[in-house]
């Protein structure tokens, strides 16, 4: 009597939408966990935001996007964070994380350079405005119809947020919004380099030698 052993089936890769949902879901849970710790600690954590033009305040570039003033601040950011973050990751998790890293650094550094000296700048809106700008302009750089269409849809639902890059309400970090958005545009440009290079090569076409 002989027995046959089935070859080990390769593990199927999770669909991209599921990977994106897991990543943004875990990040959102992390934000809520951090807020719980902040409340329990007597709001000690939230003091570690961006403190403009202060050497110690440079650490806030790393921490500011995961810190919030209170539950209302965090809850108000949650829906756009999930929606826009998910859409950014749908272009590829690695690419989406790269875009997020660029937005994170440029948004924080710009805030550190230009923010009010006495203000403590915190909040995931740096990322939200960066993701929004990224989604709006990415298709213009790649000339990808689907990405252009997605940008139009995002603008219809969230375009009104762009007013937040201008000084408006007191104690609202418009600098974080502005430089987060600038980071999103730069991320879209930097990460579309391959598409722009391919388009340039096609426009030149094959060369003939005489």
N, C-alpha and C. Protein backbone atom coordinates (compact mmCIF):
# COMPACT_ATOMS: atom_id res chain seq x y z
N UNK A 1 0.85 -1.18 0.00
CA UNK A 1 0.00 0.00 0.00
C UNK A 1 0.89 1.24 0.00
N UNK A 2 0.64 2.11 -0.89
CA UNK A 2 1.46 3.31 -1.00
C UNK A 2 0.61 4.53 -0.67
N UNK A 3 1.27 5.52 -0.18
CA UNK A 3 0.58 6.77 0.14
C UNK A 3 1.28 7.91 -0.57
N UNK A 4 0.51 8.82 -1.00
CA UNK A 4 1.08 9.96 -1.69
C UNK A 4 0.93 11.19 -0.81
N UNK A 5 1.96 11.98 -0.84
CA UNK A 5 1.96 13.20 -0.02
C UNK A 5 1.70 14.38 -0.94
N UNK A 6 0.66 15.11 -0.63
CA UNK A 6 0.35 16.28 -1.45
C UNK A 6 1.43 17.32 -1.28
N UNK A 7 1.87 17.89 -2.39
CA UNK A 7 2.86 18.95 -2.27
C UNK A 7 2.31 20.12 -1.47
N UNK A 8 3.19 20.76 -0.74
CA UNK A 8 2.77 21.89 0.07
C UNK A 8 2.31 23.03 -0.83
N UNK A 9 1.09 23.44 -0.62
CA UNK A 9 0.54 24.50 -1.43
C UNK A 9 1.11 25.84 -0.96
N UNK A 10 1.54 26.67 -1.89
CA UNK A 10 2.05 27.97 -1.47
C UNK A 10 0.94 28.81 -0.84
N UNK A 11 1.31 29.48 0.24
CA UNK A 11 0.33 30.30 0.94
C UNK A 11 -0.11 31.45 0.05
N UNK A 12 -1.41 31.60 -0.08
CA UNK A 12 -1.94 32.64 -0.93
C UNK A 12 -1.74 34.00 -0.27
N UNK A 13 -1.33 34.93 -1.07
CA UNK A 13 -1.10 36.28 -0.57
C UNK A 13 -2.44 36.96 -0.34
N UNK A 14 -2.52 37.68 0.77
CA UNK A 14 -3.76 38.39 1.06
C UNK A 14 -4.00 39.46 0.01
N UNK A 15 -5.26 39.66 -0.36
CA UNK A 15 -5.55 40.72 -1.35
C UNK A 15 -5.12 42.08 -0.81
N UNK A 16 -4.78 42.97 -1.73
CA UNK A 16 -4.24 44.26 -1.35
C UNK A 16 -5.21 45.06 -0.49
N UNK A 17 -6.51 44.98 -0.81
CA UNK A 17 -7.48 45.74 -0.02
C UNK A 17 -7.49 45.28 1.43
N UNK A 18 -7.29 43.96 1.63
CA UNK A 18 -7.28 43.43 2.99
C UNK A 18 -6.01 43.84 3.73
N UNK A 19 -4.87 43.78 3.03
CA UNK A 19 -3.62 44.25 3.64
C UNK A 19 -3.75 45.72 4.06
N UNK A 20 -4.32 46.53 3.18
CA UNK A 20 -4.47 47.95 3.46
C UNK A 20 -5.39 48.17 4.65
N UNK A 21 -6.48 47.42 4.70
CA UNK A 21 -7.43 47.55 5.81
C UNK A 21 -6.78 47.16 7.13
N UNK A 22 -5.98 46.12 7.11
CA UNK A 22 -5.31 45.67 8.34
C UNK A 22 -4.32 46.72 8.83
N UNK A 23 -3.52 47.26 7.91
CA UNK A 23 -2.50 48.24 8.31
C UNK A 23 -3.15 49.49 8.89
N UNK A 24 -4.13 50.06 8.20
CA UNK A 24 -4.75 51.29 8.70
C UNK A 24 -5.57 50.99 9.96
N UNK A 25 -6.14 49.79 10.04
CA UNK A 25 -6.87 49.41 11.25
C UNK A 25 -5.97 49.31 12.46
N UNK A 26 -4.81 48.67 12.29
CA UNK A 26 -3.85 48.55 13.40
C UNK A 26 -3.35 49.92 13.82
N UNK A 27 -3.09 50.79 12.84
CA UNK A 27 -2.62 52.13 13.17
C UNK A 27 -3.67 52.91 13.95
N UNK A 28 -4.93 52.77 13.57
CA UNK A 28 -6.01 53.45 14.27
C UNK A 28 -6.15 52.95 15.70
N UNK A 29 -6.07 51.65 15.88
CA UNK A 29 -6.13 51.07 17.23
C UNK A 29 -4.96 51.59 18.07
N UNK A 30 -3.79 51.70 17.44
CA UNK A 30 -2.62 52.22 18.14
C UNK A 30 -2.87 53.65 18.64
N UNK A 31 -3.50 54.48 17.80
CA UNK A 31 -3.78 55.85 18.20
C UNK A 31 -4.70 55.88 19.43
N UNK A 32 -5.69 55.00 19.45
CA UNK A 32 -6.61 54.97 20.59
C UNK A 32 -5.91 54.45 21.84
N UNK A 33 -5.02 53.47 21.66
CA UNK A 33 -4.26 52.95 22.80
C UNK A 33 -3.36 54.04 23.38
N UNK A 34 -2.73 54.82 22.52
CA UNK A 34 -1.87 55.91 22.98
C UNK A 34 -2.68 56.95 23.73
N UNK A 35 -3.90 57.24 23.25
CA UNK A 35 -4.73 58.22 23.94
C UNK A 35 -5.16 57.71 25.31
N UNK A 36 -5.41 56.41 25.43
CA UNK A 36 -5.74 55.84 26.74
C UNK A 36 -4.57 56.04 27.70
N UNK A 37 -3.36 55.73 27.23
CA UNK A 37 -2.17 55.91 28.08
C UNK A 37 -2.00 57.38 28.45
N UNK A 38 -2.26 58.26 27.49
CA UNK A 38 -2.11 59.70 27.75
C UNK A 38 -3.08 60.15 28.84
N UNK A 39 -4.33 59.71 28.76
CA UNK A 39 -5.33 60.09 29.76
C UNK A 39 -4.94 59.55 31.13
N UNK A 40 -4.54 58.28 31.18
CA UNK A 40 -4.17 57.65 32.45
C UNK A 40 -2.96 58.34 33.07
N UNK A 41 -2.04 58.79 32.22
CA UNK A 41 -0.80 59.42 32.72
C UNK A 41 -0.99 60.88 33.08
N UNK A 42 -2.22 61.39 32.98
CA UNK A 42 -2.44 62.79 33.26
C UNK A 42 -2.01 63.70 32.12
N UNK A 43 -2.17 63.22 30.89
CA UNK A 43 -1.87 63.97 29.66
C UNK A 43 -0.38 64.33 29.56
N UNK A 44 0.44 63.41 30.01
CA UNK A 44 1.89 63.62 29.92
C UNK A 44 2.37 63.41 28.49
N UNK A 45 1.83 62.41 27.81
CA UNK A 45 2.33 62.08 26.47
C UNK A 45 2.13 63.22 25.49
N UNK A 46 0.97 63.88 25.56
CA UNK A 46 0.66 64.89 24.55
C UNK A 46 1.57 66.12 24.63
N UNK A 47 2.37 66.21 25.66
CA UNK A 47 3.32 67.32 25.76
C UNK A 47 4.52 67.14 24.84
N UNK A 48 4.59 65.98 24.19
CA UNK A 48 5.75 65.65 23.36
C UNK A 48 5.51 65.94 21.88
N UNK A 49 4.72 66.96 21.59
CA UNK A 49 4.47 67.33 20.21
C UNK A 49 5.59 68.19 19.65
N UNK A 50 5.33 68.77 18.48
CA UNK A 50 6.32 69.65 17.84
C UNK A 50 6.34 70.98 18.57
N UNK A 51 7.49 71.33 19.12
CA UNK A 51 7.70 72.63 19.76
C UNK A 51 8.60 73.44 18.83
N UNK A 52 8.02 74.37 18.09
CA UNK A 52 8.76 75.06 17.02
C UNK A 52 10.06 75.71 17.48
N UNK A 53 11.07 75.48 16.66
CA UNK A 53 12.40 76.08 16.82
C UNK A 53 13.02 75.81 18.18
N UNK A 54 12.64 74.70 18.77
CA UNK A 54 13.24 74.22 20.01
C UNK A 54 13.95 72.91 19.71
N UNK A 55 15.16 72.76 20.22
CA UNK A 55 15.91 71.53 19.96
C UNK A 55 15.15 70.32 20.49
N UNK A 56 14.65 70.44 21.72
CA UNK A 56 13.86 69.33 22.27
C UNK A 56 12.59 69.08 21.46
N UNK A 57 12.06 70.16 20.87
CA UNK A 57 10.83 70.04 20.09
C UNK A 57 10.99 69.27 18.81
N UNK A 58 12.24 69.01 18.38
CA UNK A 58 12.46 68.22 17.18
C UNK A 58 11.95 66.79 17.35
N UNK A 59 11.98 66.28 18.59
CA UNK A 59 11.46 64.93 18.82
C UNK A 59 9.98 64.86 18.48
N UNK A 60 9.30 65.99 18.57
CA UNK A 60 7.88 66.01 18.26
C UNK A 60 7.58 65.66 16.82
N UNK A 61 8.55 65.82 15.93
CA UNK A 61 8.35 65.43 14.53
C UNK A 61 8.01 63.94 14.46
N UNK A 62 8.63 63.16 15.34
CA UNK A 62 8.36 61.72 15.37
C UNK A 62 7.04 61.39 16.05
N UNK A 63 6.71 62.15 17.10
CA UNK A 63 5.59 61.76 17.95
C UNK A 63 4.27 62.48 17.65
N UNK A 64 4.33 63.70 17.09
CA UNK A 64 3.13 64.53 16.98
C UNK A 64 1.95 63.85 16.28
N UNK A 65 2.16 63.14 15.15
CA UNK A 65 1.00 62.58 14.44
C UNK A 65 0.25 61.48 15.20
N UNK A 66 0.82 60.97 16.28
CA UNK A 66 0.12 59.92 17.03
C UNK A 66 -0.42 60.43 18.36
N UNK A 67 -0.28 61.73 18.60
CA UNK A 67 -0.75 62.32 19.85
C UNK A 67 -1.94 63.24 19.59
N UNK A 68 -2.88 63.28 20.54
CA UNK A 68 -4.07 64.12 20.40
C UNK A 68 -4.39 64.81 21.71
N UNK A 69 -5.06 65.95 21.58
CA UNK A 69 -5.34 66.78 22.75
C UNK A 69 -6.36 66.13 23.67
N UNK A 70 -7.38 65.49 23.09
CA UNK A 70 -8.40 64.83 23.89
C UNK A 70 -9.15 63.85 22.99
N UNK A 71 -10.17 63.21 23.56
CA UNK A 71 -10.91 62.21 22.78
C UNK A 71 -11.65 62.84 21.61
N UNK A 72 -12.18 64.04 21.79
CA UNK A 72 -12.88 64.70 20.69
C UNK A 72 -11.94 64.96 19.51
N UNK A 73 -10.72 65.35 19.82
CA UNK A 73 -9.71 65.59 18.78
C UNK A 73 -9.45 64.30 18.00
N UNK A 74 -9.24 63.21 18.72
CA UNK A 74 -8.96 61.93 18.07
C UNK A 74 -10.17 61.41 17.29
N UNK A 75 -11.34 61.47 17.91
CA UNK A 75 -12.54 60.97 17.23
C UNK A 75 -12.83 61.76 15.97
N UNK A 76 -12.62 63.08 16.02
CA UNK A 76 -12.85 63.91 14.85
C UNK A 76 -11.92 63.57 13.69
N UNK A 77 -10.73 63.06 14.01
CA UNK A 77 -9.77 62.70 12.96
C UNK A 77 -9.95 61.27 12.45
N UNK A 78 -10.71 60.45 13.17
CA UNK A 78 -10.71 59.01 12.90
C UNK A 78 -11.25 58.64 11.52
N UNK A 79 -12.41 59.15 11.13
CA UNK A 79 -13.01 58.74 9.86
C UNK A 79 -12.14 59.16 8.67
N UNK A 80 -11.73 60.44 8.55
CA UNK A 80 -10.85 60.77 7.42
C UNK A 80 -9.53 60.03 7.47
N UNK A 81 -9.02 59.75 8.66
CA UNK A 81 -7.78 58.99 8.79
C UNK A 81 -7.93 57.60 8.17
N UNK A 82 -9.02 56.92 8.52
CA UNK A 82 -9.23 55.56 8.02
C UNK A 82 -9.47 55.57 6.51
N UNK A 83 -10.35 56.47 6.05
CA UNK A 83 -10.71 56.48 4.63
C UNK A 83 -9.51 56.85 3.76
N UNK A 84 -8.87 57.97 4.07
CA UNK A 84 -7.77 58.45 3.23
C UNK A 84 -6.55 57.55 3.36
N UNK A 85 -6.27 57.08 4.57
CA UNK A 85 -5.14 56.17 4.75
C UNK A 85 -5.33 54.87 3.98
N UNK A 86 -6.54 54.34 4.01
CA UNK A 86 -6.84 53.11 3.27
C UNK A 86 -6.65 53.31 1.78
N UNK A 87 -7.13 54.44 1.25
CA UNK A 87 -7.01 54.70 -0.19
C UNK A 87 -5.54 54.87 -0.60
N UNK A 88 -4.75 55.50 0.24
CA UNK A 88 -3.32 55.65 -0.07
C UNK A 88 -2.63 54.29 -0.11
N UNK A 89 -2.96 53.42 0.82
CA UNK A 89 -2.33 52.10 0.89
C UNK A 89 -2.77 51.19 -0.25
N UNK A 90 -3.92 51.49 -0.86
CA UNK A 90 -4.41 50.65 -1.96
C UNK A 90 -3.51 50.69 -3.19
N UNK A 91 -2.64 51.69 -3.27
CA UNK A 91 -1.71 51.75 -4.40
C UNK A 91 -0.53 50.80 -4.18
N UNK A 92 -0.53 50.11 -3.06
CA UNK A 92 0.57 49.24 -2.66
C UNK A 92 0.98 49.63 -1.25
N UNK A 93 1.03 48.66 -0.36
CA UNK A 93 1.30 48.99 1.04
C UNK A 93 2.67 49.63 1.20
N UNK A 94 3.69 49.09 0.54
CA UNK A 94 5.03 49.65 0.65
C UNK A 94 5.07 51.08 0.12
N UNK A 95 4.44 51.31 -1.01
CA UNK A 95 4.40 52.65 -1.59
C UNK A 95 3.62 53.61 -0.68
N UNK A 96 2.51 53.12 -0.14
CA UNK A 96 1.72 53.95 0.76
C UNK A 96 2.47 54.32 2.02
N UNK A 97 3.23 53.36 2.56
CA UNK A 97 4.02 53.65 3.75
C UNK A 97 5.15 54.63 3.44
N UNK A 98 5.73 54.50 2.24
CA UNK A 98 6.77 55.46 1.83
C UNK A 98 6.19 56.86 1.74
N UNK A 99 4.99 56.98 1.15
CA UNK A 99 4.34 58.28 1.07
C UNK A 99 4.07 58.84 2.46
N UNK A 100 3.61 57.97 3.35
CA UNK A 100 3.33 58.39 4.73
C UNK A 100 4.59 58.88 5.42
N UNK A 101 5.71 58.19 5.20
CA UNK A 101 6.97 58.62 5.80
C UNK A 101 7.39 59.99 5.33
N UNK A 102 7.25 60.26 4.03
CA UNK A 102 7.61 61.57 3.49
C UNK A 102 6.72 62.65 4.09
N UNK A 103 5.42 62.37 4.15
CA UNK A 103 4.47 63.34 4.72
C UNK A 103 4.78 63.58 6.18
N UNK A 104 5.06 62.54 6.91
CA UNK A 104 5.34 62.61 8.35
C UNK A 104 6.51 63.55 8.62
N UNK A 105 7.60 63.36 7.88
CA UNK A 105 8.81 64.16 8.12
C UNK A 105 8.64 65.60 7.65
N UNK A 106 8.14 65.79 6.43
CA UNK A 106 8.00 67.15 5.89
C UNK A 106 6.95 67.93 6.67
N UNK A 107 5.84 67.28 7.02
CA UNK A 107 4.82 67.95 7.81
C UNK A 107 5.34 68.39 9.16
N UNK A 108 6.07 67.51 9.82
CA UNK A 108 6.62 67.85 11.14
C UNK A 108 7.70 68.90 11.07
N UNK A 109 8.61 68.76 10.11
CA UNK A 109 9.71 69.70 9.99
C UNK A 109 9.20 71.10 9.61
N UNK A 110 8.26 71.16 8.67
CA UNK A 110 7.69 72.46 8.30
C UNK A 110 7.00 73.13 9.47
N UNK A 111 6.30 72.33 10.27
CA UNK A 111 5.64 72.87 11.45
C UNK A 111 6.66 73.38 12.45
N UNK A 112 7.74 72.64 12.62
CA UNK A 112 8.80 73.05 13.55
C UNK A 112 9.43 74.37 13.13
N UNK A 113 9.55 74.57 11.83
CA UNK A 113 10.19 75.79 11.33
C UNK A 113 9.27 77.01 11.39
N UNK A 114 7.97 76.81 11.24
CA UNK A 114 7.07 77.96 11.05
C UNK A 114 6.01 78.12 12.13
N UNK A 115 5.81 77.12 12.99
CA UNK A 115 4.74 77.19 13.96
C UNK A 115 4.97 78.24 15.03
N UNK A 116 3.89 78.56 15.75
CA UNK A 116 4.01 79.50 16.86
C UNK A 116 4.93 78.95 17.93
N UNK A 117 5.84 79.78 18.40
CA UNK A 117 6.90 79.32 19.30
C UNK A 117 6.35 78.76 20.61
N UNK A 118 5.20 79.25 21.04
CA UNK A 118 4.65 78.81 22.33
C UNK A 118 3.65 77.66 22.19
N UNK A 119 3.46 77.18 20.97
CA UNK A 119 2.45 76.15 20.73
C UNK A 119 3.06 74.75 20.74
N UNK A 120 2.24 73.79 21.16
CA UNK A 120 2.59 72.37 21.10
C UNK A 120 1.73 71.74 20.02
N UNK A 121 2.32 71.42 18.89
CA UNK A 121 1.57 70.96 17.72
C UNK A 121 1.46 69.43 17.74
N UNK A 122 0.24 68.93 17.80
CA UNK A 122 0.00 67.49 17.81
C UNK A 122 -1.21 67.17 16.94
N UNK A 123 -1.33 65.89 16.58
CA UNK A 123 -2.52 65.45 15.86
C UNK A 123 -2.22 64.76 14.55
N UNK A 124 -3.03 63.77 14.23
CA UNK A 124 -2.85 63.01 12.99
C UNK A 124 -3.31 63.78 11.77
N UNK A 125 -3.81 65.01 11.95
CA UNK A 125 -4.23 65.79 10.79
C UNK A 125 -3.05 66.11 9.87
N UNK A 126 -1.82 66.08 10.39
CA UNK A 126 -0.65 66.21 9.52
C UNK A 126 -0.69 65.13 8.44
N UNK A 127 -0.98 63.91 8.86
CA UNK A 127 -1.06 62.80 7.91
C UNK A 127 -2.31 62.90 7.04
N UNK A 128 -3.42 63.28 7.64
CA UNK A 128 -4.68 63.36 6.89
C UNK A 128 -4.57 64.35 5.74
N UNK A 129 -4.04 65.53 6.01
CA UNK A 129 -3.90 66.53 4.94
C UNK A 129 -2.85 66.08 3.92
N UNK A 130 -1.82 65.39 4.38
CA UNK A 130 -0.83 64.86 3.45
C UNK A 130 -1.41 63.79 2.55
N UNK A 131 -2.18 62.88 3.12
CA UNK A 131 -2.82 61.83 2.31
C UNK A 131 -3.81 62.43 1.33
N UNK A 132 -4.55 63.45 1.79
CA UNK A 132 -5.52 64.10 0.91
C UNK A 132 -4.82 64.71 -0.30
N UNK A 133 -3.77 65.48 -0.05
CA UNK A 133 -3.03 66.11 -1.16
C UNK A 133 -2.41 65.06 -2.06
N UNK A 134 -1.90 64.00 -1.48
CA UNK A 134 -1.30 62.91 -2.26
C UNK A 134 -2.30 62.30 -3.22
N UNK A 135 -3.48 62.02 -2.72
CA UNK A 135 -4.51 61.40 -3.56
C UNK A 135 -5.01 62.36 -4.64
N UNK A 136 -5.04 63.66 -4.33
CA UNK A 136 -5.55 64.64 -5.28
C UNK A 136 -4.62 64.83 -6.47
N UNK A 137 -3.29 64.79 -6.23
CA UNK A 137 -2.35 65.15 -7.30
C UNK A 137 -1.61 63.96 -7.90
N UNK A 138 -1.70 62.80 -7.27
CA UNK A 138 -0.92 61.65 -7.74
C UNK A 138 -1.21 61.33 -9.20
N UNK A 139 -2.48 61.32 -9.56
CA UNK A 139 -2.85 60.99 -10.93
C UNK A 139 -2.33 61.99 -11.95
N UNK A 140 -2.13 63.24 -11.53
CA UNK A 140 -1.59 64.24 -12.45
C UNK A 140 -0.14 63.94 -12.80
N UNK A 141 0.59 63.34 -11.87
CA UNK A 141 1.98 62.98 -12.12
C UNK A 141 2.09 61.67 -12.90
N UNK A 142 1.24 60.70 -12.56
CA UNK A 142 1.34 59.39 -13.20
C UNK A 142 0.57 59.32 -14.51
N UNK A 143 -0.39 60.24 -14.70
CA UNK A 143 -1.30 60.22 -15.86
C UNK A 143 -2.11 58.92 -15.91
N UNK A 144 -2.36 58.37 -14.73
CA UNK A 144 -3.14 57.13 -14.62
C UNK A 144 -4.61 57.51 -14.44
N UNK A 145 -5.45 57.04 -15.37
CA UNK A 145 -6.85 57.46 -15.37
C UNK A 145 -7.55 57.10 -14.06
N UNK A 146 -7.32 55.89 -13.57
CA UNK A 146 -7.98 55.46 -12.34
C UNK A 146 -7.59 56.34 -11.16
N UNK A 147 -6.33 56.74 -11.08
CA UNK A 147 -5.88 57.58 -9.99
C UNK A 147 -6.42 59.01 -10.13
N UNK A 148 -6.53 59.49 -11.36
CA UNK A 148 -7.14 60.81 -11.58
C UNK A 148 -8.60 60.78 -11.15
N UNK A 149 -9.32 59.73 -11.53
CA UNK A 149 -10.72 59.60 -11.16
C UNK A 149 -10.88 59.53 -9.65
N UNK A 150 -10.01 58.76 -9.00
CA UNK A 150 -10.06 58.67 -7.54
C UNK A 150 -9.81 60.04 -6.91
N UNK A 151 -8.88 60.79 -7.48
CA UNK A 151 -8.60 62.13 -6.98
C UNK A 151 -9.82 63.03 -7.07
N UNK A 152 -10.57 62.92 -8.16
CA UNK A 152 -11.79 63.72 -8.32
C UNK A 152 -12.82 63.34 -7.26
N UNK A 153 -12.99 62.04 -7.04
CA UNK A 153 -13.95 61.57 -6.03
C UNK A 153 -13.54 62.04 -4.64
N UNK A 154 -12.26 61.92 -4.33
CA UNK A 154 -11.77 62.37 -3.03
C UNK A 154 -11.99 63.87 -2.86
N UNK A 155 -11.78 64.63 -3.93
CA UNK A 155 -11.98 66.07 -3.85
C UNK A 155 -13.43 66.41 -3.56
N UNK A 156 -14.35 65.68 -4.18
CA UNK A 156 -15.78 65.93 -3.97
C UNK A 156 -16.14 65.74 -2.49
N UNK A 157 -15.59 64.70 -1.87
CA UNK A 157 -15.96 64.39 -0.49
C UNK A 157 -15.12 65.14 0.54
N UNK A 158 -13.85 65.39 0.23
CA UNK A 158 -12.96 65.94 1.24
C UNK A 158 -12.26 67.23 0.81
N UNK A 159 -12.57 67.73 -0.38
CA UNK A 159 -11.88 68.92 -0.86
C UNK A 159 -12.06 70.13 0.03
N UNK A 160 -13.20 70.22 0.70
CA UNK A 160 -13.44 71.35 1.58
C UNK A 160 -12.45 71.45 2.73
N UNK A 161 -11.82 70.34 3.06
CA UNK A 161 -10.83 70.35 4.14
C UNK A 161 -9.63 71.23 3.80
N UNK A 162 -9.39 71.46 2.52
CA UNK A 162 -8.20 72.20 2.11
C UNK A 162 -8.17 73.62 2.67
N UNK A 163 -9.33 74.15 3.06
CA UNK A 163 -9.34 75.46 3.70
C UNK A 163 -8.56 75.43 5.00
N UNK A 164 -8.36 74.24 5.54
CA UNK A 164 -7.64 74.11 6.81
C UNK A 164 -6.16 74.42 6.71
N UNK A 165 -5.63 74.62 5.50
CA UNK A 165 -4.21 74.97 5.37
C UNK A 165 -4.01 76.47 5.60
N UNK A 166 -5.10 77.20 5.77
CA UNK A 166 -5.02 78.64 6.01
C UNK A 166 -5.28 78.93 7.49
N UNK A 167 -4.69 80.00 8.02
CA UNK A 167 -4.96 80.37 9.42
C UNK A 167 -6.45 80.60 9.61
N UNK A 168 -7.03 79.96 10.59
CA UNK A 168 -8.46 80.11 10.81
C UNK A 168 -8.75 80.12 12.31
N UNK A 169 -8.99 78.96 12.88
CA UNK A 169 -9.34 78.87 14.29
C UNK A 169 -8.10 78.94 15.17
N UNK A 170 -8.21 79.62 16.30
CA UNK A 170 -7.09 79.62 17.24
C UNK A 170 -6.85 78.22 17.79
N UNK A 171 -5.60 77.94 18.10
CA UNK A 171 -5.19 76.65 18.67
C UNK A 171 -5.39 75.49 17.69
N UNK A 172 -5.52 75.80 16.40
CA UNK A 172 -5.54 74.77 15.37
C UNK A 172 -4.29 74.93 14.52
N UNK A 173 -3.51 73.87 14.40
CA UNK A 173 -2.22 73.96 13.73
C UNK A 173 -2.40 73.95 12.21
N UNK A 174 -2.67 75.14 11.66
CA UNK A 174 -2.77 75.22 10.20
C UNK A 174 -1.40 74.94 9.56
N UNK A 175 -0.32 75.19 10.31
CA UNK A 175 1.01 74.89 9.77
C UNK A 175 1.17 73.38 9.55
N UNK A 176 0.66 72.59 10.49
CA UNK A 176 0.70 71.15 10.31
C UNK A 176 -0.11 70.71 9.11
N UNK A 177 -1.28 71.33 8.92
CA UNK A 177 -2.12 71.03 7.76
C UNK A 177 -1.39 71.41 6.47
N UNK A 178 -0.84 72.61 6.45
CA UNK A 178 -0.19 73.11 5.24
C UNK A 178 1.01 72.25 4.85
N UNK A 179 1.89 72.01 5.80
CA UNK A 179 3.10 71.27 5.46
C UNK A 179 2.84 69.77 5.31
N UNK A 180 1.79 69.27 5.94
CA UNK A 180 1.37 67.91 5.65
C UNK A 180 0.94 67.80 4.20
N UNK A 181 0.16 68.79 3.73
CA UNK A 181 -0.29 68.80 2.33
C UNK A 181 0.89 68.95 1.38
N UNK A 182 1.84 69.82 1.73
CA UNK A 182 3.04 69.96 0.89
C UNK A 182 3.80 68.64 0.83
N UNK A 183 3.89 67.97 1.97
CA UNK A 183 4.53 66.66 1.99
C UNK A 183 3.81 65.66 1.10
N UNK A 184 2.47 65.74 1.05
CA UNK A 184 1.70 64.85 0.19
C UNK A 184 1.99 65.08 -1.28
N UNK A 185 2.10 66.35 -1.67
CA UNK A 185 2.42 66.67 -3.07
C UNK A 185 3.81 66.17 -3.42
N UNK A 186 4.77 66.41 -2.53
CA UNK A 186 6.15 65.96 -2.79
C UNK A 186 6.24 64.44 -2.83
N UNK A 187 5.46 63.78 -1.96
CA UNK A 187 5.44 62.31 -1.97
C UNK A 187 4.89 61.79 -3.29
N UNK A 188 3.81 62.42 -3.77
CA UNK A 188 3.21 62.00 -5.05
C UNK A 188 4.20 62.19 -6.19
N UNK A 189 4.94 63.29 -6.16
CA UNK A 189 5.93 63.54 -7.21
C UNK A 189 7.08 62.55 -7.13
N UNK A 190 7.61 62.33 -5.94
CA UNK A 190 8.76 61.44 -5.78
C UNK A 190 8.41 60.00 -6.13
N UNK A 191 7.24 59.55 -5.72
CA UNK A 191 6.87 58.15 -5.92
C UNK A 191 6.28 57.88 -7.31
N UNK A 192 6.12 58.93 -8.10
CA UNK A 192 5.68 58.74 -9.49
C UNK A 192 6.86 58.78 -10.46
N UNK A 193 8.07 58.78 -9.93
CA UNK A 193 9.25 58.91 -10.78
C UNK A 193 9.31 57.80 -11.83
N UNK A 194 8.96 56.58 -11.45
CA UNK A 194 9.01 55.47 -12.40
C UNK A 194 8.01 55.69 -13.54
N UNK A 195 6.80 56.15 -13.21
CA UNK A 195 5.78 56.40 -14.24
C UNK A 195 6.20 57.55 -15.15
N UNK A 196 6.78 58.59 -14.57
CA UNK A 196 7.21 59.73 -15.38
C UNK A 196 8.38 59.35 -16.28
N UNK A 197 9.27 58.51 -15.76
CA UNK A 197 10.41 58.06 -16.56
C UNK A 197 9.94 57.19 -17.73
N UNK A 198 9.00 56.30 -17.46
CA UNK A 198 8.47 55.44 -18.51
C UNK A 198 7.75 56.26 -19.58
N UNK A 199 7.01 57.27 -19.15
CA UNK A 199 6.31 58.13 -20.10
C UNK A 199 7.29 58.92 -20.95
N UNK A 200 8.37 59.38 -20.33
CA UNK A 200 9.38 60.14 -21.09
C UNK A 200 10.05 59.27 -22.13
N UNK A 201 10.32 58.00 -21.77
CA UNK A 201 10.96 57.09 -22.71
C UNK A 201 10.05 56.80 -23.89
N UNK A 202 8.76 56.67 -23.62
CA UNK A 202 7.81 56.41 -24.70
C UNK A 202 7.70 57.61 -25.65
N UNK A 203 7.77 58.81 -25.07
CA UNK A 203 7.64 60.02 -25.90
C UNK A 203 8.85 60.20 -26.81
N UNK A 204 10.02 59.74 -26.36
CA UNK A 204 11.21 59.84 -27.20
C UNK A 204 11.16 58.84 -28.33
N UNK A 205 10.74 57.60 -28.00
CA UNK A 205 10.60 56.55 -29.01
C UNK A 205 11.95 55.99 -29.40
N UNK A 206 11.94 54.94 -30.22
CA UNK A 206 13.20 54.31 -30.64
C UNK A 206 13.99 55.26 -31.54
N UNK A 207 15.30 55.17 -31.41
CA UNK A 207 16.18 56.01 -32.24
C UNK A 207 16.73 55.19 -33.41
N UNK A 208 16.83 55.83 -34.53
CA UNK A 208 17.44 55.15 -35.68
C UNK A 208 18.76 55.82 -35.99
N UNK A 209 19.79 55.01 -36.26
CA UNK A 209 21.11 55.52 -36.51
C UNK A 209 21.36 55.56 -38.03
N UNK A 210 22.02 56.61 -38.48
CA UNK A 210 22.36 56.73 -39.90
C UNK A 210 23.86 56.80 -40.06
